[in-house]
N, C-alpha and C. Protein backbone atom coordinates (compact mmCIF):
# COMPACT_ATOMS: atom_id res chain seq x y z
N UNK A 1 169.48 177.49 205.44
CA UNK A 1 169.85 177.36 204.06
C UNK A 1 171.35 177.30 203.91
N UNK A 2 171.70 176.59 202.89
CA UNK A 2 173.12 176.43 202.64
C UNK A 2 173.52 177.35 201.48
N UNK A 3 174.57 178.04 201.69
CA UNK A 3 175.10 178.94 200.65
C UNK A 3 176.22 178.24 199.91
N UNK A 4 176.18 178.32 198.57
CA UNK A 4 177.20 177.66 197.75
C UNK A 4 178.22 178.64 197.21
N UNK A 5 178.47 179.66 197.90
CA UNK A 5 179.45 180.65 197.44
C UNK A 5 180.85 180.14 197.68
N UNK A 6 181.69 180.47 196.71
CA UNK A 6 183.09 180.12 196.86
C UNK A 6 183.76 181.20 197.67
N UNK A 7 184.58 180.80 198.58
CA UNK A 7 185.21 181.79 199.44
C UNK A 7 186.32 182.55 198.73
N UNK A 8 186.86 181.99 197.66
CA UNK A 8 187.90 182.70 196.91
C UNK A 8 187.23 183.65 195.93
N UNK A 9 187.74 184.83 195.85
CA UNK A 9 187.19 185.86 194.98
C UNK A 9 187.73 185.66 193.57
N UNK A 10 186.84 185.60 192.58
CA UNK A 10 187.28 185.40 191.20
C UNK A 10 187.53 186.75 190.55
N UNK A 11 188.66 186.87 189.89
CA UNK A 11 189.03 188.11 189.21
C UNK A 11 189.05 187.90 187.71
N UNK A 12 188.77 188.95 187.01
CA UNK A 12 188.83 188.91 185.55
C UNK A 12 190.29 189.07 185.15
N UNK A 13 190.78 188.17 184.29
CA UNK A 13 192.19 188.28 183.90
C UNK A 13 192.43 189.54 183.07
N UNK A 14 193.63 190.11 183.12
CA UNK A 14 193.98 191.31 182.36
C UNK A 14 194.08 191.03 180.87
N UNK A 15 193.88 192.05 180.07
CA UNK A 15 193.97 191.92 178.62
C UNK A 15 195.42 192.00 178.20
N UNK A 16 195.82 191.05 177.39
CA UNK A 16 197.21 191.04 176.92
C UNK A 16 197.39 192.10 175.84
N UNK A 17 198.40 192.92 175.98
CA UNK A 17 198.69 193.97 174.99
C UNK A 17 199.92 193.64 174.17
N UNK A 18 200.30 192.37 174.16
CA UNK A 18 201.50 191.97 173.42
C UNK A 18 201.34 192.16 171.92
N UNK A 19 200.13 191.97 171.38
CA UNK A 19 199.93 192.09 169.93
C UNK A 19 199.54 193.50 169.50
N UNK A 20 199.41 194.42 170.42
CA UNK A 20 199.00 195.78 170.10
C UNK A 20 199.96 196.49 169.14
N UNK A 21 201.28 196.41 169.32
CA UNK A 21 202.17 197.06 168.34
C UNK A 21 202.03 196.48 166.94
N UNK A 22 201.79 195.17 166.82
CA UNK A 22 201.59 194.57 165.49
C UNK A 22 200.35 195.14 164.81
N UNK A 23 199.30 195.30 165.56
CA UNK A 23 198.05 195.84 165.00
C UNK A 23 198.26 197.29 164.57
N UNK A 24 198.95 198.06 165.37
CA UNK A 24 199.20 199.47 165.03
C UNK A 24 200.02 199.58 163.76
N UNK A 25 201.06 198.76 163.62
CA UNK A 25 201.89 198.82 162.42
C UNK A 25 201.13 198.33 161.19
N UNK A 26 200.25 197.36 161.33
CA UNK A 26 199.43 196.93 160.19
C UNK A 26 198.51 198.06 159.74
N UNK A 27 197.89 198.76 160.68
CA UNK A 27 197.05 199.90 160.31
C UNK A 27 197.86 201.01 159.66
N UNK A 28 199.04 201.27 160.19
CA UNK A 28 199.90 202.29 159.62
C UNK A 28 200.26 201.96 158.18
N UNK A 29 200.68 200.73 157.92
CA UNK A 29 201.02 200.33 156.55
C UNK A 29 199.80 200.37 155.64
N UNK A 30 198.65 199.99 156.14
CA UNK A 30 197.43 200.04 155.34
C UNK A 30 197.14 201.46 154.88
N UNK A 31 197.19 202.43 155.81
CA UNK A 31 196.89 203.81 155.45
C UNK A 31 197.99 204.42 154.59
N UNK A 32 199.22 204.00 154.75
CA UNK A 32 200.30 204.51 153.90
C UNK A 32 200.13 204.04 152.46
N UNK A 33 199.66 202.82 152.28
CA UNK A 33 199.51 202.27 150.94
C UNK A 33 198.27 202.82 150.25
N UNK A 34 197.18 202.96 150.96
CA UNK A 34 195.93 203.35 150.32
C UNK A 34 195.74 204.85 150.17
N UNK A 35 196.53 205.66 150.85
CA UNK A 35 196.36 207.10 150.78
C UNK A 35 197.05 207.65 149.53
N UNK A 36 196.36 208.54 148.83
CA UNK A 36 196.99 209.21 147.70
C UNK A 36 197.41 210.60 148.14
N UNK A 37 198.55 211.01 147.68
CA UNK A 37 199.06 212.31 148.04
C UNK A 37 198.69 213.33 146.97
N UNK A 38 198.70 214.56 147.34
CA UNK A 38 198.41 215.63 146.39
C UNK A 38 199.52 215.65 145.35
N UNK A 39 199.12 215.56 144.08
CA UNK A 39 200.10 215.42 143.02
C UNK A 39 200.60 216.75 142.48
N UNK A 40 199.72 217.71 142.36
CA UNK A 40 200.14 219.00 141.81
C UNK A 40 199.73 220.12 142.73
N UNK A 41 200.51 221.17 142.70
CA UNK A 41 200.14 222.37 143.44
C UNK A 41 199.74 223.43 142.42
N UNK A 42 198.63 224.08 142.68
CA UNK A 42 198.10 225.05 141.73
C UNK A 42 198.95 226.32 141.71
N UNK A 43 199.32 226.73 140.51
CA UNK A 43 200.06 227.97 140.31
C UNK A 43 199.17 229.04 139.71
N UNK A 44 197.91 228.68 139.43
CA UNK A 44 196.96 229.62 138.83
C UNK A 44 195.71 229.70 139.70
N UNK A 45 195.03 230.83 139.61
CA UNK A 45 193.77 231.02 140.33
C UNK A 45 192.64 230.41 139.52
N UNK A 46 191.85 229.58 140.16
CA UNK A 46 190.73 228.97 139.44
C UNK A 46 189.46 229.13 140.26
N UNK A 47 188.53 229.88 139.69
CA UNK A 47 187.17 229.97 140.22
C UNK A 47 186.30 229.32 139.14
N UNK A 48 185.90 228.07 139.36
CA UNK A 48 185.20 227.36 138.29
C UNK A 48 183.83 227.95 138.01
N UNK A 49 183.38 227.81 136.77
CA UNK A 49 182.02 228.26 136.44
C UNK A 49 180.99 227.35 137.10
N UNK A 50 179.77 227.82 137.21
CA UNK A 50 178.70 227.05 137.83
C UNK A 50 177.94 226.27 136.76
N UNK A 51 177.45 225.11 137.15
CA UNK A 51 176.65 224.28 136.24
C UNK A 51 175.56 223.59 137.04
N UNK A 52 174.45 223.31 136.38
CA UNK A 52 173.35 222.63 137.06
C UNK A 52 173.37 221.13 136.83
N UNK A 53 173.85 220.70 135.70
CA UNK A 53 173.90 219.26 135.37
C UNK A 53 175.36 218.81 135.46
N UNK A 54 175.72 218.23 136.62
CA UNK A 54 177.10 217.81 136.85
C UNK A 54 177.13 216.31 137.06
N UNK A 55 178.14 215.68 136.50
CA UNK A 55 178.33 214.24 136.67
C UNK A 55 179.76 214.01 137.14
N UNK A 56 179.92 213.20 138.18
CA UNK A 56 181.25 212.91 138.69
C UNK A 56 181.94 211.91 137.79
N UNK A 57 183.26 212.06 137.68
CA UNK A 57 184.04 211.10 136.91
C UNK A 57 184.21 209.83 137.72
N UNK A 58 184.09 208.70 137.05
CA UNK A 58 184.13 207.41 137.74
C UNK A 58 185.54 207.05 138.18
N UNK A 59 186.47 207.00 137.26
CA UNK A 59 187.81 206.51 137.55
C UNK A 59 188.80 207.67 137.46
N UNK A 60 189.19 208.20 138.61
CA UNK A 60 190.08 209.37 138.64
C UNK A 60 191.49 209.05 138.15
N UNK A 61 191.89 207.79 138.17
CA UNK A 61 193.24 207.44 137.73
C UNK A 61 193.40 207.60 136.22
N UNK A 62 192.30 207.66 135.49
CA UNK A 62 192.35 207.83 134.03
C UNK A 62 192.22 209.28 133.60
N UNK A 63 192.18 210.21 134.56
CA UNK A 63 191.95 211.62 134.26
C UNK A 63 193.27 212.39 134.32
N UNK A 64 193.51 213.20 133.29
CA UNK A 64 194.65 214.10 133.23
C UNK A 64 194.12 215.52 133.30
N UNK A 65 194.69 216.33 134.17
CA UNK A 65 194.17 217.67 134.39
C UNK A 65 195.01 218.72 133.68
N UNK A 66 194.31 219.71 133.12
CA UNK A 66 194.92 220.90 132.53
C UNK A 66 194.32 222.09 133.26
N UNK A 67 195.15 222.97 133.78
CA UNK A 67 194.68 224.14 134.53
C UNK A 67 194.95 225.40 133.71
N UNK A 68 193.94 226.25 133.62
CA UNK A 68 194.07 227.51 132.87
C UNK A 68 193.56 228.63 133.75
N UNK A 69 194.41 229.62 133.99
CA UNK A 69 194.00 230.74 134.82
C UNK A 69 195.10 231.78 134.94
N UNK A 70 194.82 232.79 135.72
CA UNK A 70 195.79 233.86 135.97
C UNK A 70 196.73 233.40 137.07
N UNK A 71 198.05 233.55 136.89
CA UNK A 71 199.01 233.08 137.90
C UNK A 71 198.77 233.70 139.27
N UNK A 72 199.01 232.91 140.32
CA UNK A 72 198.83 233.40 141.68
C UNK A 72 199.95 234.36 142.07
N UNK A 73 201.13 234.16 141.51
CA UNK A 73 202.26 235.04 141.80
C UNK A 73 202.40 236.07 140.68
N UNK A 74 202.62 237.31 141.04
CA UNK A 74 202.72 238.37 140.03
C UNK A 74 204.01 238.29 139.22
N UNK A 75 204.98 237.51 139.66
CA UNK A 75 206.23 237.40 138.90
C UNK A 75 206.04 236.65 137.58
N UNK A 76 204.89 235.93 137.44
CA UNK A 76 204.58 235.24 136.19
C UNK A 76 203.67 236.06 135.29
N UNK A 77 203.34 237.25 135.69
CA UNK A 77 202.52 238.13 134.88
C UNK A 77 201.06 238.09 135.29
N UNK A 78 200.24 238.83 134.53
CA UNK A 78 198.81 238.91 134.83
C UNK A 78 197.95 238.34 133.71
N UNK A 79 198.58 237.77 132.70
CA UNK A 79 197.84 237.16 131.61
C UNK A 79 197.57 235.69 131.93
N UNK A 80 196.48 235.13 131.40
CA UNK A 80 196.17 233.73 131.67
C UNK A 80 197.28 232.80 131.17
N UNK A 81 197.56 231.77 131.95
CA UNK A 81 198.62 230.80 131.62
C UNK A 81 198.06 229.39 131.67
N UNK A 82 198.74 228.50 131.01
CA UNK A 82 198.40 227.08 130.96
C UNK A 82 199.34 226.32 131.89
N UNK A 83 198.79 225.59 132.86
CA UNK A 83 199.60 224.82 133.79
C UNK A 83 199.40 223.34 133.52
N UNK A 84 200.49 222.65 133.23
CA UNK A 84 200.49 221.21 133.05
C UNK A 84 201.34 220.61 134.15
N UNK A 85 200.75 219.78 134.97
CA UNK A 85 201.38 219.25 136.19
C UNK A 85 201.81 220.40 137.08
N UNK A 86 203.10 220.56 137.36
CA UNK A 86 203.55 221.60 138.28
C UNK A 86 204.27 222.75 137.60
N UNK A 87 204.09 222.92 136.30
CA UNK A 87 204.83 223.96 135.59
C UNK A 87 203.96 224.63 134.55
N UNK A 88 204.28 225.89 134.27
CA UNK A 88 203.63 226.59 133.17
C UNK A 88 204.22 226.11 131.86
N UNK A 89 203.37 225.90 130.88
CA UNK A 89 203.82 225.43 129.57
C UNK A 89 203.10 226.20 128.48
N UNK A 90 203.75 226.38 127.35
CA UNK A 90 203.02 226.95 126.20
C UNK A 90 202.08 225.91 125.61
N UNK A 91 201.10 226.38 124.86
CA UNK A 91 200.10 225.47 124.29
C UNK A 91 200.76 224.48 123.32
N UNK A 92 201.86 224.85 122.73
CA UNK A 92 202.54 223.97 121.78
C UNK A 92 203.04 222.68 122.45
N UNK A 93 203.29 222.70 123.75
CA UNK A 93 203.78 221.51 124.46
C UNK A 93 202.65 220.59 124.91
N UNK A 94 201.42 220.92 124.60
CA UNK A 94 200.28 220.15 125.07
C UNK A 94 200.25 218.75 124.45
N UNK A 95 200.58 218.62 123.18
CA UNK A 95 200.59 217.31 122.53
C UNK A 95 201.59 216.36 123.19
N UNK A 96 202.77 216.89 123.45
CA UNK A 96 203.81 216.09 124.11
C UNK A 96 203.37 215.67 125.52
N UNK A 97 202.72 216.57 126.22
CA UNK A 97 202.22 216.28 127.56
C UNK A 97 201.18 215.17 127.54
N UNK A 98 200.25 215.23 126.59
CA UNK A 98 199.20 214.22 126.48
C UNK A 98 199.81 212.86 126.17
N UNK A 99 200.78 212.82 125.27
CA UNK A 99 201.44 211.55 124.94
C UNK A 99 202.17 210.98 126.14
N UNK A 100 202.84 211.82 126.89
CA UNK A 100 203.55 211.36 128.08
C UNK A 100 202.57 210.81 129.13
N UNK A 101 201.46 211.50 129.33
CA UNK A 101 200.45 211.02 130.28
C UNK A 101 199.82 209.72 129.81
N UNK A 102 199.64 209.59 128.51
CA UNK A 102 199.07 208.36 127.95
C UNK A 102 200.03 207.19 128.15
N UNK A 103 201.33 207.44 128.01
CA UNK A 103 202.33 206.39 128.20
C UNK A 103 202.41 205.94 129.66
N UNK A 104 202.04 206.80 130.59
CA UNK A 104 202.08 206.44 132.02
C UNK A 104 200.94 205.49 132.42
N UNK A 105 199.93 205.37 131.57
CA UNK A 105 198.79 204.50 131.87
C UNK A 105 199.07 203.07 131.42
N UNK A 106 198.31 202.15 131.97
CA UNK A 106 198.37 200.76 131.53
C UNK A 106 197.87 200.69 130.09
N UNK A 107 198.40 199.78 129.31
CA UNK A 107 198.09 199.74 127.88
C UNK A 107 196.60 199.58 127.60
N UNK A 108 195.89 198.83 128.42
CA UNK A 108 194.45 198.64 128.21
C UNK A 108 193.65 199.91 128.49
N UNK A 109 194.16 200.80 129.32
CA UNK A 109 193.44 202.00 129.70
C UNK A 109 193.81 203.23 128.87
N UNK A 110 194.74 203.11 127.98
CA UNK A 110 195.21 204.29 127.23
C UNK A 110 194.12 204.92 126.38
N UNK A 111 193.25 204.12 125.82
CA UNK A 111 192.18 204.70 125.00
C UNK A 111 191.03 205.24 125.85
N UNK A 112 191.06 205.00 127.17
CA UNK A 112 190.02 205.49 128.07
C UNK A 112 190.42 206.78 128.79
N UNK A 113 191.60 207.30 128.48
CA UNK A 113 192.09 208.50 129.16
C UNK A 113 191.18 209.69 128.88
N UNK A 114 190.87 210.44 129.92
CA UNK A 114 190.04 211.64 129.82
C UNK A 114 190.87 212.84 130.22
N UNK A 115 190.77 213.90 129.45
CA UNK A 115 191.45 215.16 129.79
C UNK A 115 190.41 216.08 130.43
N UNK A 116 190.69 216.53 131.63
CA UNK A 116 189.79 217.42 132.34
C UNK A 116 190.38 218.83 132.36
N UNK A 117 189.62 219.77 131.86
CA UNK A 117 190.08 221.15 131.79
C UNK A 117 189.48 221.93 132.95
N UNK A 118 190.34 222.42 133.83
CA UNK A 118 189.91 223.26 134.95
C UNK A 118 190.33 224.68 134.60
N UNK A 119 189.36 225.48 134.21
CA UNK A 119 189.64 226.85 133.79
C UNK A 119 188.87 227.82 134.66
N UNK A 120 189.46 228.99 134.84
CA UNK A 120 188.80 230.06 135.58
C UNK A 120 187.62 230.55 134.75
N UNK A 121 186.55 230.96 135.42
CA UNK A 121 185.35 231.38 134.69
C UNK A 121 185.55 232.69 133.93
N UNK A 122 186.61 233.45 134.22
CA UNK A 122 186.85 234.71 133.53
C UNK A 122 187.76 234.57 132.33
N UNK A 123 188.25 233.37 132.05
CA UNK A 123 189.16 233.14 130.93
C UNK A 123 188.40 233.26 129.62
N UNK A 124 189.03 233.90 128.64
CA UNK A 124 188.40 234.07 127.34
C UNK A 124 188.32 232.73 126.60
N UNK A 125 187.29 232.58 125.80
CA UNK A 125 187.07 231.33 125.08
C UNK A 125 188.12 231.07 124.01
N UNK A 126 188.85 232.08 123.59
CA UNK A 126 189.91 231.87 122.59
C UNK A 126 190.98 230.92 123.09
N UNK A 127 191.36 231.04 124.36
CA UNK A 127 192.38 230.16 124.94
C UNK A 127 191.82 228.74 125.05
N UNK A 128 190.57 228.63 125.46
CA UNK A 128 189.93 227.31 125.57
C UNK A 128 189.87 226.64 124.20
N UNK A 129 189.54 227.41 123.17
CA UNK A 129 189.47 226.88 121.81
C UNK A 129 190.84 226.42 121.33
N UNK A 130 191.88 227.20 121.62
CA UNK A 130 193.24 226.80 121.24
C UNK A 130 193.65 225.49 121.91
N UNK A 131 193.31 225.35 123.18
CA UNK A 131 193.63 224.11 123.90
C UNK A 131 192.86 222.94 123.29
N UNK A 132 191.59 223.15 122.95
CA UNK A 132 190.80 222.09 122.33
C UNK A 132 191.38 221.66 120.98
N UNK A 133 191.87 222.62 120.20
CA UNK A 133 192.47 222.29 118.90
C UNK A 133 193.73 221.44 119.08
N UNK A 134 194.56 221.80 120.07
CA UNK A 134 195.77 221.03 120.33
C UNK A 134 195.43 219.63 120.84
N UNK A 135 194.38 219.51 121.63
CA UNK A 135 193.96 218.20 122.11
C UNK A 135 193.46 217.33 120.95
N UNK A 136 192.80 217.93 119.98
CA UNK A 136 192.37 217.17 118.80
C UNK A 136 193.57 216.66 118.03
N UNK A 137 194.58 217.50 117.89
CA UNK A 137 195.80 217.07 117.18
C UNK A 137 196.51 215.95 117.92
N UNK A 138 196.37 215.91 119.24
CA UNK A 138 196.99 214.87 120.06
C UNK A 138 196.10 213.63 120.19
N UNK A 139 194.96 213.62 119.52
CA UNK A 139 193.99 212.53 119.57
C UNK A 139 193.46 212.29 120.97
N UNK A 140 193.36 213.34 121.74
CA UNK A 140 192.73 213.27 123.07
C UNK A 140 191.32 213.81 122.91
N UNK A 141 190.40 212.92 122.56
CA UNK A 141 189.05 213.35 122.19
C UNK A 141 188.06 213.28 123.34
N UNK A 142 188.44 212.65 124.45
CA UNK A 142 187.56 212.62 125.63
C UNK A 142 187.92 213.81 126.50
N UNK A 143 187.05 214.81 126.49
CA UNK A 143 187.32 216.06 127.20
C UNK A 143 186.23 216.31 128.22
N UNK A 144 186.65 216.76 129.38
CA UNK A 144 185.74 217.06 130.47
C UNK A 144 185.99 218.50 130.90
N UNK A 145 184.92 219.25 131.15
CA UNK A 145 185.04 220.60 131.67
C UNK A 145 184.66 220.57 133.15
N UNK A 146 185.55 220.98 134.02
CA UNK A 146 185.28 220.99 135.46
C UNK A 146 184.44 222.21 135.81
N UNK A 147 183.45 222.00 136.67
CA UNK A 147 182.57 223.09 137.08
C UNK A 147 182.13 222.86 138.52
N UNK A 148 181.66 223.92 139.15
CA UNK A 148 181.11 223.84 140.50
C UNK A 148 179.61 223.62 140.41
N UNK A 149 179.07 222.88 141.34
CA UNK A 149 177.63 222.61 141.29
C UNK A 149 176.85 223.81 141.83
N UNK A 150 175.64 223.96 141.33
CA UNK A 150 174.79 225.06 141.77
C UNK A 150 174.58 226.07 140.66
N UNK A 151 173.93 227.14 141.02
CA UNK A 151 173.69 228.21 140.06
C UNK A 151 174.27 229.49 140.61
N UNK A 152 174.75 230.30 139.71
CA UNK A 152 175.33 231.58 140.11
C UNK A 152 174.23 232.63 140.16
N UNK A 153 174.26 233.47 141.16
CA UNK A 153 173.28 234.56 141.29
C UNK A 153 173.54 235.57 140.18
N UNK A 154 172.53 235.91 139.49
CA UNK A 154 172.66 236.87 138.40
C UNK A 154 172.96 238.27 138.93
N UNK A 155 173.79 239.00 138.20
CA UNK A 155 174.12 240.38 138.58
C UNK A 155 172.91 241.27 138.42
N UNK A 156 172.05 240.98 137.46
CA UNK A 156 170.91 241.82 137.14
C UNK A 156 169.67 241.50 137.97
N UNK A 157 169.76 240.52 138.89
CA UNK A 157 168.56 240.14 139.63
C UNK A 157 168.10 241.21 140.62
N UNK A 158 168.99 242.10 141.04
CA UNK A 158 168.63 243.13 142.00
C UNK A 158 168.08 244.39 141.35
N UNK A 159 168.10 244.45 140.05
CA UNK A 159 167.64 245.66 139.36
C UNK A 159 166.16 245.66 139.18
């Protein structure tokens, strides 16, 4: 029998890595552009209340957050405070804050802005009511209450 083997050994050519740095930089730029950074740091303690019927907000870019809770640092006292962005503010400044946030949105989305209230579950309803009244005066009528999913175990269930 005749063998048709080639006497020269065939090798697989090496993979060119010349374009590898270009690919790495494209991925780096992609992740730098698409990643959102943390915008605010919490200065108040928030343990959200529990709810059974929760719906996620669709467009987070149209949501403005208001935080209400007891300050994490004792130098700000032990009474509940209102945090707007990265600073404590009195309730009287809420209208100005809402207008400023509304101006930061695109003109077509300004009427779609939603205010989300993240409040600690131990906060008295009087503060929540005051915030709601100020939001009405600012014509911010789309209000969302943030809550944790699930049900809270009743204190009296063990009795």
